[in-house]
Amino acid sequence: MSLASDPPTVRPPLDDSDIPAFWQALGLPGLIDVHTHFMPDNVLTKVWAYFDDFTEAGLSWKTHYRYDEERRLSLLREFGVRRFTAMLYPHRPDMAKWLNDWAAGFAARTPDCLHTSTFFPEPSAAGYVAEAIEAGTRVFKAHVQVGGYDPRDPLLDPVWGLLAESGTPVVVHCGSGPEPGRHTGPEIFAEVLARHPSLIAIIAHMGMPEYTEFLALAESHPGVRLDTTMTFTDFTEEMRPWPAGLTPRLADLGDRVLLGTDFPNIPYPYARQLEALTRLGLGDDWLRAVCHDNAARLFAL
């Protein structure tokens, strides 16, 4: 469904303190961010260390919001983020269940967080995924790059089936940015979608850097969504520029693009993501849908 209209009339936020004025000008009750990270402190510290050491195109990726959990939650609420996620992911066997237990506790004490879970290709995966769905998980995270696994692994086939059958969305990092993995890329995940065509898969980072191919996957699979995480920002444009010729197709896919930011693991202020979306020039209706309405509908909020 095309949501393109006249260029945006709202002014993009100048800084983080200006974010509420942005969504209020759009007539929204706030923002919904489907790609934010909350995880155990020892795991998050290792994630931050990875980004401390990551450089490309002469750019530094030092985390802008390196605060304790309560401060990070307070910031999101100050920005007006009404719902957000706790994206977390394992990199080895026997880790996902422990992360899911932590995430369940986090969701219980954080009612504005969409209960998030994860998985890894291991014999117990189908069992703990079923338990997580039963316990109220609203969204899953699959990180093919960090996990280093093949999403076509037979151990994951019942997991994808459970997610498709239950209609539980899964945010999938299967693009090859910021670094390619052994099993990243659109062709591989397309095979998962072929086996589970009703799967609701939210492709992280718009599939960066394989933007064209993942956009085509979304156009051909009604269950596929794209999240905006870090895409279109000046930082990412230096490394993995968005092909301007694809932008009109975003308007046609306007009801299946969702706001994502990667907060807190971003090297710039949160407002830059909203500024970048406004700069696309796709109109107020498109911004309303991406920043709130599409996710509100998907998660029945």
Protein backbone atom coordinates (compact mmCIF):
# COMPACT_ATOMS: atom_id res chain seq x y z
CA MET A 1 0.00 0.00 0.00
CA SER A 2 1.57 3.27 -1.10
CA LEU A 3 1.73 5.94 1.59
CA ALA A 4 3.59 8.54 -0.43
CA SER A 5 2.17 12.04 -0.38
CA ASP A 6 3.54 15.55 -0.44
CA PRO A 7 6.94 16.12 1.21
CA PRO A 8 6.86 16.11 5.02
CA THR A 9 5.48 19.22 6.64
CA VAL A 10 6.96 18.36 10.03
CA ARG A 11 10.37 19.65 11.01
CA PRO A 12 12.87 16.90 11.86
CA PRO A 13 14.14 16.96 15.45
CA LEU A 14 17.23 19.10 15.93
CA ASP A 15 18.39 17.02 18.89
CA ASP A 16 17.05 14.47 21.36
CA SER A 17 15.19 17.09 23.39
CA ASP A 18 13.26 17.98 20.23
CA ILE A 19 11.96 14.43 19.62
CA PRO A 20 8.59 14.84 21.41
CA ALA A 21 7.82 17.91 19.28
CA PHE A 22 8.47 15.78 16.17
CA TRP A 23 5.96 13.05 16.94
CA GLN A 24 3.45 15.50 18.39
CA ALA A 25 3.56 17.45 15.11
CA LEU A 26 2.69 14.21 13.32
CA GLY A 27 -0.32 13.76 15.60
CA LEU A 28 1.08 10.58 17.12
CA PRO A 29 0.81 9.39 20.75
CA GLY A 30 4.54 8.61 20.66
CA LEU A 31 7.00 6.33 18.88
CA ILE A 32 7.29 2.53 18.64
CA ASP A 33 10.85 1.27 18.17
CA VAL A 34 11.12 -2.40 17.18
CA HIS A 35 14.92 -2.58 17.37
CA THR A 36 16.37 -1.60 20.74
CA HIS A 37 18.76 -3.61 22.87
CA PHE A 38 18.45 -4.58 26.51
CA MET A 39 20.38 -7.60 27.78
CA PRO A 40 22.35 -8.77 30.82
CA ASP A 41 25.04 -6.27 31.76
CA ASN A 42 27.95 -8.66 31.15
CA VAL A 43 26.68 -9.42 27.64
CA LEU A 44 26.02 -5.78 26.80
CA THR A 45 29.53 -4.84 27.96
CA LYS A 46 30.97 -7.30 25.42
CA VAL A 47 28.75 -5.88 22.69
CA TRP A 48 30.00 -2.38 23.46
CA ALA A 49 33.61 -3.62 23.40
CA TYR A 50 33.02 -5.03 19.90
CA PHE A 51 31.77 -1.69 18.63
CA ASP A 52 34.63 0.15 20.38
CA ASP A 53 37.04 -1.77 18.17
CA PHE A 54 34.98 -1.50 14.97
CA THR A 55 36.02 1.10 12.42
CA GLU A 56 35.19 1.44 8.75
CA ALA A 57 35.59 4.32 6.33
CA GLY A 58 37.48 6.12 9.09
CA LEU A 59 34.38 6.17 11.31
CA SER A 60 34.23 5.33 15.02
CA TRP A 61 31.31 3.30 16.40
CA LYS A 62 31.61 4.12 20.10
CA THR A 63 28.27 3.74 21.86
CA HIS A 64 26.57 7.10 22.41
CA TYR A 65 24.30 5.93 25.24
CA ARG A 66 26.65 4.04 27.53
CA TYR A 67 24.55 4.32 30.66
CA ASP A 68 23.10 1.95 33.21
CA GLU A 69 19.81 0.23 32.46
CA GLU A 70 17.60 2.65 34.39
CA ARG A 71 19.10 5.67 32.65
CA ARG A 72 18.63 4.07 29.23
CA LEU A 73 15.00 3.29 30.00
CA SER A 74 14.47 6.82 31.25
CA LEU A 75 15.90 8.25 28.03
CA LEU A 76 13.61 6.22 25.79
CA ARG A 77 10.62 7.36 27.80
CA GLU A 78 11.78 10.98 27.63
CA PHE A 79 11.99 10.63 23.85
CA GLY A 80 8.38 9.43 23.84
CA VAL A 81 9.06 5.81 22.82
CA ARG A 82 5.86 4.10 23.98
CA ARG A 83 6.92 0.55 23.13
CA PHE A 84 10.34 -0.92 22.46
CA THR A 85 12.10 -4.29 22.39
CA ALA A 86 14.93 -6.06 24.20
CA MET A 87 16.83 -7.46 21.22
CA LEU A 88 19.27 -10.08 22.49
CA TYR A 89 20.98 -12.98 20.79
CA PRO A 90 23.24 -15.96 21.55
CA HIS A 91 26.55 -16.78 19.89
CA ARG A 92 26.88 -20.35 21.16
CA PRO A 93 24.73 -23.30 22.28
CA ASP A 94 23.13 -23.37 25.75
CA MET A 95 22.92 -19.58 25.87
CA ALA A 96 19.52 -18.73 24.37
CA LYS A 97 17.45 -20.23 27.19
CA TRP A 98 19.42 -18.25 29.77
CA LEU A 99 18.92 -15.04 27.76
CA ASN A 100 15.20 -15.78 27.44
CA ASP A 101 14.87 -16.23 31.20
CA TRP A 102 16.58 -12.87 31.74
CA ALA A 103 14.35 -11.22 29.11
CA ALA A 104 11.20 -12.59 30.74
CA GLY A 105 12.21 -10.95 34.01
CA PHE A 106 13.04 -7.71 32.22
CA ALA A 107 9.66 -7.66 30.47
CA ALA A 108 7.88 -8.35 33.76
CA ARG A 109 9.46 -5.30 35.39
CA THR A 110 9.29 -3.15 32.23
CA PRO A 111 5.69 -3.08 30.98
CA ASP A 112 6.46 -0.81 27.99
CA CYS A 113 8.92 -3.38 26.62
CA LEU A 114 7.58 -5.91 24.12
CA HIS A 115 8.60 -9.25 25.65
CA THR A 116 11.51 -10.42 23.48
CA SER A 117 13.14 -13.86 23.15
CA THR A 118 15.75 -15.52 20.95
CA PHE A 119 17.03 -18.93 19.83
CA PHE A 120 20.02 -20.87 18.49
CA PRO A 121 20.20 -24.04 16.35
CA GLU A 122 20.32 -26.73 19.03
CA PRO A 123 18.17 -29.75 19.87
CA SER A 124 16.35 -27.90 22.67
CA ALA A 125 15.44 -24.88 20.51
CA ALA A 126 11.91 -25.91 19.54
CA GLY A 127 11.08 -26.68 23.16
CA TYR A 128 12.22 -23.41 24.70
CA VAL A 129 10.79 -21.37 21.82
CA ALA A 130 7.39 -22.99 22.40
CA GLU A 131 7.74 -22.22 26.12
CA ALA A 132 8.64 -18.60 25.37
CA ILE A 133 5.61 -18.15 23.12
CA GLU A 134 3.39 -19.68 25.80
CA ALA A 135 4.93 -17.31 28.35
CA GLY A 136 3.90 -14.28 26.31
CA THR A 137 6.83 -13.46 24.05
CA ARG A 138 5.73 -10.83 21.53
CA VAL A 139 8.81 -10.80 19.28
CA PHE A 140 11.95 -12.89 18.70
CA LYS A 141 15.43 -11.89 17.55
CA ALA A 142 17.59 -14.01 15.23
CA HIS A 143 21.13 -12.76 14.54
CA VAL A 144 22.55 -14.92 11.77
CA GLN A 145 25.81 -12.95 11.62
CA VAL A 146 26.72 -12.98 15.32
CA GLY A 147 25.37 -16.49 15.85
CA GLY A 148 27.37 -17.77 12.88
CA TYR A 149 24.64 -20.27 12.03
CA ASP A 150 22.77 -21.24 8.91
CA PRO A 151 19.10 -20.23 9.24
CA ARG A 152 18.29 -23.28 7.07
CA ASP A 153 19.69 -25.60 9.76
CA PRO A 154 17.23 -28.50 10.24
CA LEU A 155 17.28 -27.81 13.99
CA LEU A 156 15.64 -24.45 13.25
CA ASP A 157 12.97 -25.72 10.88
CA PRO A 158 10.49 -26.45 13.72
CA VAL A 159 11.34 -23.06 15.26
CA TRP A 160 10.46 -21.15 12.10
CA GLY A 161 7.34 -23.30 11.89
CA LEU A 162 6.29 -22.40 15.44
CA LEU A 163 6.79 -18.70 14.76
CA ALA A 164 4.85 -18.86 11.50
CA GLU A 165 2.00 -20.86 13.04
CA SER A 166 1.70 -18.59 16.07
CA GLY A 167 2.08 -15.38 14.05
CA THR A 168 4.90 -14.21 16.31
CA PRO A 169 7.18 -11.71 14.53
CA VAL A 170 10.93 -12.28 14.43
CA VAL A 171 13.51 -9.57 13.79
CA VAL A 172 16.17 -11.21 11.63
CA HIS A 173 19.65 -9.80 11.08
CA CYS A 174 20.55 -11.67 7.92
CA GLY A 175 22.06 -8.90 5.81
CA SER A 176 25.84 -8.79 5.42
CA GLY A 177 26.45 -5.54 7.30
CA PRO A 178 28.34 -4.38 9.22
CA GLU A 179 30.44 -7.45 8.43
CA PRO A 180 29.41 -10.43 6.30
CA GLY A 181 28.86 -13.77 7.97
CA ARG A 182 29.11 -17.28 6.62
CA HIS A 183 25.35 -17.51 6.20
CA THR A 184 24.22 -13.93 5.66
CA GLY A 185 22.61 -12.67 2.47
CA PRO A 186 19.18 -12.62 0.85
CA GLU A 187 19.43 -15.88 -1.08
CA ILE A 188 19.88 -17.94 2.08
CA PHE A 189 17.00 -16.41 4.03
CA ALA A 190 14.79 -16.59 0.95
CA GLU A 191 14.98 -20.38 1.31
CA VAL A 192 13.61 -20.09 4.87
CA LEU A 193 10.73 -17.97 3.56
CA ALA A 194 10.06 -20.49 0.82
CA ARG A 195 9.62 -23.20 3.46
CA HIS A 196 7.60 -20.97 5.80
CA PRO A 197 5.77 -18.45 3.60
CA SER A 198 3.54 -17.16 6.41
CA LEU A 199 6.51 -16.25 8.64
CA ILE A 200 6.40 -12.64 9.87
CA ALA A 201 10.04 -11.67 9.45
CA ILE A 202 11.25 -8.14 10.14
CA ILE A 203 14.51 -7.72 8.25
CA ALA A 204 16.89 -5.68 10.40
CA HIS A 205 18.71 -2.66 8.97
CA MET A 206 16.64 -2.85 5.76
CA GLY A 207 18.90 -5.80 4.87
CA MET A 208 22.02 -3.62 4.72
CA PRO A 209 24.00 -3.68 2.44
CA GLU A 210 21.82 -5.92 0.20
CA TYR A 211 19.07 -3.30 0.21
CA THR A 212 17.76 -4.06 -3.26
CA GLU A 213 17.46 -7.79 -2.74
CA PHE A 214 15.78 -7.60 0.66
CA LEU A 215 13.39 -4.93 -0.59
CA ALA A 216 12.42 -7.35 -3.36
CA LEU A 217 11.88 -10.10 -0.75
CA ALA A 218 9.49 -7.83 1.12
CA GLU A 219 7.65 -7.00 -2.09
CA SER A 220 7.16 -10.68 -2.88
CA HIS A 221 6.38 -11.99 0.65
CA PRO A 222 3.43 -10.39 2.47
CA GLY A 223 4.78 -11.40 5.88
CA VAL A 224 8.13 -9.67 5.44
CA ARG A 225 8.74 -6.26 6.99
CA LEU A 226 11.82 -4.03 7.01
CA ASP A 227 13.16 -2.07 9.96
CA THR A 228 14.97 1.22 9.48
CA THR A 229 17.74 0.58 12.01
CA MET A 230 20.67 2.93 11.29
CA THR A 231 19.71 3.13 7.62
CA PHE A 232 19.65 6.53 5.86
CA THR A 233 21.70 8.20 8.64
CA ASP A 234 24.84 10.16 7.74
CA PHE A 235 26.92 7.56 9.61
CA THR A 236 25.63 4.63 7.58
CA GLU A 237 25.62 6.57 4.32
CA GLU A 238 29.40 6.83 4.67
CA MET A 239 29.74 3.04 4.85
CA ARG A 240 26.68 1.46 3.21
CA PRO A 241 24.80 4.14 1.23
CA TRP A 242 21.14 3.64 0.44
CA PRO A 243 20.52 3.62 -3.34
CA ALA A 244 18.35 6.69 -3.93
CA GLY A 245 16.57 4.94 -6.78
CA LEU A 246 14.98 2.54 -4.28
CA THR A 247 13.23 5.27 -2.29
CA PRO A 248 10.01 5.39 -4.37
CA ARG A 249 9.57 1.67 -3.69
CA LEU A 250 9.61 2.43 0.04
CA ALA A 251 6.50 4.51 -0.49
CA ASP A 252 4.77 1.55 -2.13
CA LEU A 253 5.83 -0.63 0.83
CA GLY A 254 4.91 2.03 3.37
CA ASP A 255 2.66 -0.16 5.49
CA ARG A 256 5.48 -2.67 6.16
CA VAL A 257 8.41 -0.45 7.13
CA LEU A 258 8.99 -0.12 10.89
CA LEU A 259 11.05 2.27 12.98
CA GLY A 260 14.19 0.69 14.39
CA THR A 261 17.23 2.48 15.80
CA ASP A 262 19.67 0.06 17.54
CA PHE A 263 19.49 2.16 20.73
CA PRO A 264 21.69 2.28 22.77
CA ASN A 265 24.35 0.81 20.47
CA ILE A 266 24.54 3.77 18.11
CA PRO A 267 27.40 6.25 17.64
CA TYR A 268 25.14 9.30 17.33
CA PRO A 269 22.03 10.80 18.99
CA TYR A 270 18.67 9.01 18.62
CA ALA A 271 17.24 12.06 16.84
CA ARG A 272 19.49 11.40 13.83
CA GLN A 273 17.40 8.37 12.83
CA LEU A 274 14.21 10.45 12.78
CA GLU A 275 15.97 13.22 10.90
CA ALA A 276 17.14 10.71 8.28
CA LEU A 277 13.65 9.32 7.79
CA THR A 278 12.21 12.79 7.33
CA ARG A 279 14.95 13.60 4.81
CA LEU A 280 13.67 10.84 2.51
CA GLY A 281 10.81 13.18 1.63
CA LEU A 282 8.07 10.54 1.63
CA GLY A 283 5.48 12.60 3.47
CA ASP A 284 3.75 12.85 6.84
CA ASP A 285 1.51 9.81 6.28
CA TRP A 286 4.56 7.63 5.61
CA LEU A 287 6.33 8.96 8.71
CA ARG A 288 3.25 8.33 10.86
CA ALA A 289 3.05 4.76 9.61
CA VAL A 290 6.74 4.01 10.05
CA CYS A 291 7.21 5.70 13.40
CA HIS A 292 4.11 4.27 15.06
CA ASP A 293 1.11 2.93 13.15
CA ASN A 294 2.66 -0.05 11.37
CA ALA A 295 4.10 -1.50 14.57
CA ALA A 296 0.93 -0.69 16.52
CA ARG A 297 -1.05 -2.72 14.02
CA LEU A 298 1.47 -5.58 13.87
CA PHE A 299 1.59 -5.96 17.66
CA ALA A 300 -2.05 -5.05 18.25
CA LEU A 301 -1.13 -2.22 20.59
